[in-house]
PDB file of N, CA and C in Angstrom:
ATOM      1  N   MET A   1      -3.120   1.190   6.525  1.00  0.00           N
ATOM      2  CA  MET A   1      -3.229  -0.183   5.731  1.00  0.00           C
ATOM      3  C   MET A   1      -4.546  -0.749   6.012  1.00  0.00           C
ATOM      4  N   GLY A   2      -5.485   0.298   6.120  1.00  0.00           N
ATOM      5  CA  GLY A   2      -6.806  -0.554   6.257  1.00  0.00           C
ATOM      6  C   GLY A   2      -7.097  -0.926   7.584  1.00  0.00           C
ATOM      7  N   ASN A   3      -7.635  -2.311   7.686  1.00  0.00           N
ATOM      8  CA  ASN A   3      -7.963  -2.932   9.063  1.00  0.00           C
ATOM      9  C   ASN A   3      -6.762  -3.818   9.328  1.00  0.00           C
ATOM     10  N   LEU A   4      -5.740  -4.011   8.792  1.00  0.00           N
ATOM     11  CA  LEU A   4      -4.584  -4.778   9.215  1.00  0.00           C
ATOM     12  C   LEU A   4      -3.826  -4.240  10.449  1.00  0.00           C
ATOM     13  N   GLY A   5      -3.829  -5.005  11.385  1.00  0.00           N
ATOM     14  CA  GLY A   5      -2.914  -4.669  12.704  1.00  0.00           C
ATOM     15  C   GLY A   5      -1.595  -5.206  12.605  1.00  0.00           C
ATOM     16  N   MET A   6      -0.811  -5.003  13.644  1.00  0.00           N
ATOM     17  CA  MET A   6       0.753  -5.356  13.627  1.00  0.00           C
ATOM     18  C   MET A   6       0.663  -6.981  13.463  1.00  0.00           C
ATOM     19  N   THR A   7      -0.306  -7.619  14.433  1.00  0.00           N
ATOM     20  CA  THR A   7      -0.357  -9.118  14.338  1.00  0.00           C
ATOM     21  C   THR A   7      -0.521  -9.797  12.936  1.00  0.00           C
ATOM     22  N   GLU A   8      -1.521  -9.159  12.196  1.00  0.00           N
ATOM     23  CA  GLU A   8      -1.696  -9.780  10.981  1.00  0.00           C
ATOM     24  C   GLU A   8      -0.667  -9.421   9.960  1.00  0.00           C
ATOM     25  N   LEU A   9      -0.095  -8.228  10.149  1.00  0.00           N
ATOM     26  CA  LEU A   9       1.144  -8.080   9.139  1.00  0.00           C
ATOM     27  C   LEU A   9       2.384  -9.111   9.422  1.00  0.00           C
ATOM     28  N   LEU A  10       2.508  -9.361  10.725  1.00  0.00           N
ATOM     29  CA  LEU A  10       3.759 -10.276  11.037  1.00  0.00           C
ATOM     30  C   LEU A  10       3.305 -11.573  10.731  1.00  0.00           C
ATOM     31  N   LEU A  11       1.981 -12.119  10.690  1.00  0.00           N
ATOM     32  CA  LEU A  11       1.621 -13.327  10.108  1.00  0.00           C
ATOM     33  C   LEU A  11       1.877 -13.410   8.709  1.00  0.00           C
ATOM     34  N   ILE A  12       1.459 -12.407   7.990  1.00  0.00           N
ATOM     35  CA  ILE A  12       1.696 -12.390   6.473  1.00  0.00           C
ATOM     36  C   ILE A  12       2.988 -12.147   6.186  1.00  0.00           C
ATOM     37  N   GLY A  13       3.901 -11.605   7.011  1.00  0.00           N
ATOM     38  CA  GLY A  13       5.320 -11.497   6.572  1.00  0.00           C
ATOM     39  C   GLY A  13       6.074 -12.924   6.740  1.00  0.00           C
ATOM     40  N   ALA A  14       5.434 -13.663   7.905  1.00  0.00           N
ATOM     41  CA  ALA A  14       6.030 -14.981   8.240  1.00  0.00           C
ATOM     42  C   ALA A  14       5.661 -16.020   7.125  1.00  0.00           C
ATOM     43  N   ALA A  15       4.338 -15.871   6.645  1.00  0.00           N
ATOM     44  CA  ALA A  15       3.944 -16.686   5.655  1.00  0.00           C
ATOM     45  C   ALA A  15       4.659 -16.639   4.218  1.00  0.00           C
ATOM     46  N   LEU A  16       4.979 -15.268   3.834  1.00  0.00           N
ATOM     47  CA  LEU A  16       5.771 -14.945   2.731  1.00  0.00           C
ATOM     48  C   LEU A  16       7.295 -15.677   2.877  1.00  0.00           C
ATOM     49  N   LEU A  17       7.685 -15.428   4.006  1.00  0.00           N
ATOM     50  CA  LEU A  17       9.144 -15.872   4.446  1.00  0.00           C
ATOM     51  C   LEU A  17       9.004 -17.515   4.145  1.00  0.00           C
ATOM     52  N   LEU A  18       8.179 -18.058   4.605  1.00  0.00           N
ATOM     53  CA  LEU A  18       7.948 -19.660   4.369  1.00  0.00           C
ATOM     54  C   LEU A  18       7.841 -19.934   3.024  1.00  0.00           C
ATOM     55  N   PHE A  19       7.246 -19.296   2.129  1.00  0.00           N
ATOM     56  CA  PHE A  19       6.673 -19.762   1.006  1.00  0.00           C
ATOM     57  C   PHE A  19       7.854 -19.358  -0.130  1.00  0.00           C
ATOM     58  N   PHE A  20       8.368 -18.133   0.014  1.00  0.00           N
ATOM     59  CA  PHE A  20       9.551 -17.769  -0.836  1.00  0.00           C
ATOM     60  C   PHE A  20      10.791 -17.674  -0.401  1.00  0.00           C
ATOM     61  N   GLY A  21      11.133 -17.851   0.840  1.00  0.00           N
ATOM     62  CA  GLY A  21      12.425 -17.760   1.294  1.00  0.00           C
ATOM     63  C   GLY A  21      12.944 -16.476   1.448  1.00  0.00           C
ATOM     64  N   PRO A  22      14.078 -16.241   2.305  1.00  0.00           N
ATOM     65  CA  PRO A  22      14.601 -15.053   2.356  1.00  0.00           C
ATOM     66  C   PRO A  22      15.345 -14.532   1.286  1.00  0.00           C
ATOM     67  N   SER A  23      15.858 -15.274   0.421  1.00  0.00           N
ATOM     68  CA  SER A  23      16.479 -14.697  -0.777  1.00  0.00           C
ATOM     69  C   SER A  23      15.665 -14.155  -1.952  1.00  0.00           C
ATOM     70  N   LYS A  24      14.339 -14.435  -1.823  1.00  0.00           N
ATOM     71  CA  LYS A  24      13.426 -13.931  -2.999  1.00  0.00           C
ATOM     72  C   LYS A  24      12.517 -12.599  -2.459  1.00  0.00           C
ATOM     73  N   LEU A  25      12.649 -12.421  -1.236  1.00  0.00           N
ATOM     74  CA  LEU A  25      11.641 -11.614  -0.700  1.00  0.00           C
ATOM     75  C   LEU A  25      12.200 -10.074  -1.100  1.00  0.00           C
ATOM     76  N   PRO A  26      13.238  -9.658  -1.267  1.00  0.00           N
ATOM     77  CA  PRO A  26      13.522  -8.449  -1.726  1.00  0.00           C
ATOM     78  C   PRO A  26      13.199  -8.272  -3.164  1.00  0.00           C
ATOM     79  N   GLU A  27      13.425  -9.288  -3.991  1.00  0.00           N
ATOM     80  CA  GLU A  27      12.881  -9.111  -5.293  1.00  0.00           C
ATOM     81  C   GLU A  27      11.394  -9.097  -5.418  1.00  0.00           C
ATOM     82  N   LEU A  28      10.769  -9.752  -4.455  1.00  0.00           N
ATOM     83  CA  LEU A  28       9.248  -9.732  -4.285  1.00  0.00           C
ATOM     84  C   LEU A  28       8.811  -8.391  -4.036  1.00  0.00           C
ATOM     85  N   GLY A  29       9.304  -7.775  -3.194  1.00  0.00           N
ATOM     86  CA  GLY A  29       9.027  -6.319  -2.806  1.00  0.00           C
ATOM     87  C   GLY A  29       9.144  -5.433  -3.810  1.00  0.00           C
ATOM     88  N   LYS A  30      10.515  -5.545  -4.414  1.00  0.00           N
ATOM     89  CA  LYS A  30      10.544  -4.676  -5.643  1.00  0.00           C
ATOM     90  C   LYS A  30       9.612  -4.609  -6.612  1.00  0.00           C
ATOM     91  N   SER A  31       9.178  -5.826  -7.090  1.00  0.00           N
ATOM     92  CA  SER A  31       8.246  -6.118  -8.039  1.00  0.00           C
ATOM     93  C   SER A  31       6.794  -5.602  -7.573  1.00  0.00           C
ATOM     94  N   LEU A  32       6.500  -5.706  -6.370  1.00  0.00           N
ATOM     95  CA  LEU A  32       5.192  -5.367  -5.877  1.00  0.00           C
ATOM     96  C   LEU A  32       5.118  -3.860  -5.983  1.00  0.00           C
ATOM     97  N   GLY A  33       6.318  -3.072  -5.486  1.00  0.00           N
ATOM     98  CA  GLY A  33       6.257  -1.783  -5.520  1.00  0.00           C
ATOM     99  C   GLY A  33       6.183  -1.116  -6.996  1.00  0.00           C
ATOM    100  N   LYS A  34       6.994  -1.807  -7.929  1.00  0.00           N
ATOM    101  CA  LYS A  34       6.807  -1.312  -9.338  1.00  0.00           C
ATOM    102  C   LYS A  34       5.417  -1.505  -9.808  1.00  0.00           C
ATOM    103  N   GLY A  35       4.732  -2.607  -9.389  1.00  0.00           N
ATOM    104  CA  GLY A  35       3.369  -2.757  -9.945  1.00  0.00           C
ATOM    105  C   GLY A  35       2.474  -1.720  -9.507  1.00  0.00           C
ATOM    106  N   ILE A  36       2.528  -1.387  -8.112  1.00  0.00           N
ATOM    107  CA  ILE A  36       1.787  -0.276  -7.401  1.00  0.00           C
ATOM    108  C   ILE A  36       2.149   0.846  -8.078  1.00  0.00           C
ATOM    109  N   GLN A  37       3.416   1.202  -8.317  1.00  0.00           N
ATOM    110  CA  GLN A  37       3.868   2.552  -9.003  1.00  0.00           C
ATOM    111  C   GLN A  37       3.099   2.659 -10.392  1.00  0.00           C
ATOM    112  N   GLU A  38       3.032   1.413 -11.253  1.00  0.00           N
ATOM    113  CA  GLU A  38       2.378   1.514 -12.574  1.00  0.00           C
ATOM    114  C   GLU A  38       0.956   1.550 -12.542  1.00  0.00           C
ATOM    115  N   PHE A  39       0.462   0.970 -11.379  1.00  0.00           N
ATOM    116  CA  PHE A  39      -1.189   1.239 -11.250  1.00  0.00           C
ATOM    117  C   PHE A  39      -1.349   2.723 -11.030  1.00  0.00           C
ATOM    118  N   LYS A  40      -0.698   3.216 -10.032  1.00  0.00           N
ATOM    119  CA  LYS A  40      -0.945   4.711  -9.846  1.00  0.00           C
ATOM    120  C   LYS A  40      -0.800   5.611 -10.920  1.00  0.00           C
ATOM    121  N   LYS A  41       0.154   5.295 -11.705  1.00  0.00           N
ATOM    122  CA  LYS A  41       0.595   6.126 -13.105  1.00  0.00           C
ATOM    123  C   LYS A  41      -0.635   5.826 -13.910  1.00  0.00           C
ATOM    124  N   ALA A  42      -1.125   4.677 -14.159  1.00  0.00           N
ATOM    125  CA  ALA A  42      -2.288   4.377 -15.057  1.00  0.00           C
ATOM    126  C   ALA A  42      -3.425   5.295 -14.537  1.00  0.00           C
ATOM    127  N   SER A  43      -3.824   5.216 -13.232  1.00  0.00           N
ATOM    128  CA  SER A  43      -4.939   5.632 -12.682  1.00  0.00           C
ATOM    129  C   SER A  43      -4.979   7.137 -12.969  1.00  0.00           C
ATOM    130  N   LYS A  44      -3.857   7.852 -12.699  1.00  0.00           N
ATOM    131  CA  LYS A  44      -3.664   9.376 -12.836  1.00  0.00           C
ATOM    132  C   LYS A  44      -3.885   9.681 -14.361  1.00  0.00           C
ATOM    133  N   GLU A  45      -3.340   8.873 -15.349  1.00  0.00           N
ATOM    134  CA  GLU A  45      -3.681   9.189 -16.784  1.00  0.00           C
ATOM    135  C   GLU A  45      -5.113   8.997 -17.084  1.00  0.00           C
ATOM    136  N   LEU A  46      -5.675   8.024 -16.541  1.00  0.00           N
ATOM    137  CA  LEU A  46      -6.951   7.773 -16.893  1.00  0.00           C
ATOM    138  C   LEU A  46      -7.899   8.810 -16.336  1.00  0.00           C
ATOM    139  N   THR A  47      -7.527   9.275 -15.039  1.00  0.00           N
ATOM    140  CA  THR A  47      -8.409  10.351 -14.611  1.00  0.00           C
ATOM    141  C   THR A  47      -8.247  11.734 -15.277  1.00  0.00           C
ATOM    142  N   SER A  48      -7.077  11.954 -15.752  1.00  0.00           N
ATOM    143  CA  SER A  48      -6.749  13.228 -16.518  1.00  0.00           C
ATOM    144  C   SER A  48      -7.466  13.015 -17.822  1.00  0.00           C
ATOM    145  N   ALA A  49      -7.438  11.850 -18.316  1.00  0.00           N
ATOM    146  CA  ALA A  49      -8.282  11.747 -19.740  1.00  0.00           C
ATOM    147  C   ALA A  49      -9.688  11.938 -19.619  1.00  0.00           C
ATOM    148  N   VAL A  50     -10.291  11.406 -18.454  1.00  0.00           N
ATOM    149  CA  VAL A  50     -11.618  11.602 -18.200  1.00  0.00           C
ATOM    150  C   VAL A  50     -11.881  13.129 -17.961  1.00  0.00           C
ATOM    151  N   LYS A  51     -11.058  14.010 -17.437  1.00  0.00           N
ATOM    152  CA  LYS A  51     -11.368  15.265 -17.173  1.00  0.00           C
ATOM    153  C   LYS A  51     -11.382  16.164 -18.172  1.00  0.00           C
ATOM    154  N   GLU A  52     -10.548  15.791 -19.278  1.00  0.00           N
ATOM    155  CA  GLU A  52     -10.619  16.406 -20.424  1.00  0.00           C
ATOM    156  C   GLU A  52     -11.615  16.135 -21.438  1.00  0.00           C
TER     157      GLU A  52
END
């Protein structure tokens, strides 16, 4: 995860919990995962288009 240590991850998690509450965190995580998946898919498509 780059230069993030365990302490930083815990602080980020606590901040997210405060801002969004425990009921919104699973939905937020799911949305983030889908966004990353779509980004990777678009990146692969772009890379294959450039190679051709």
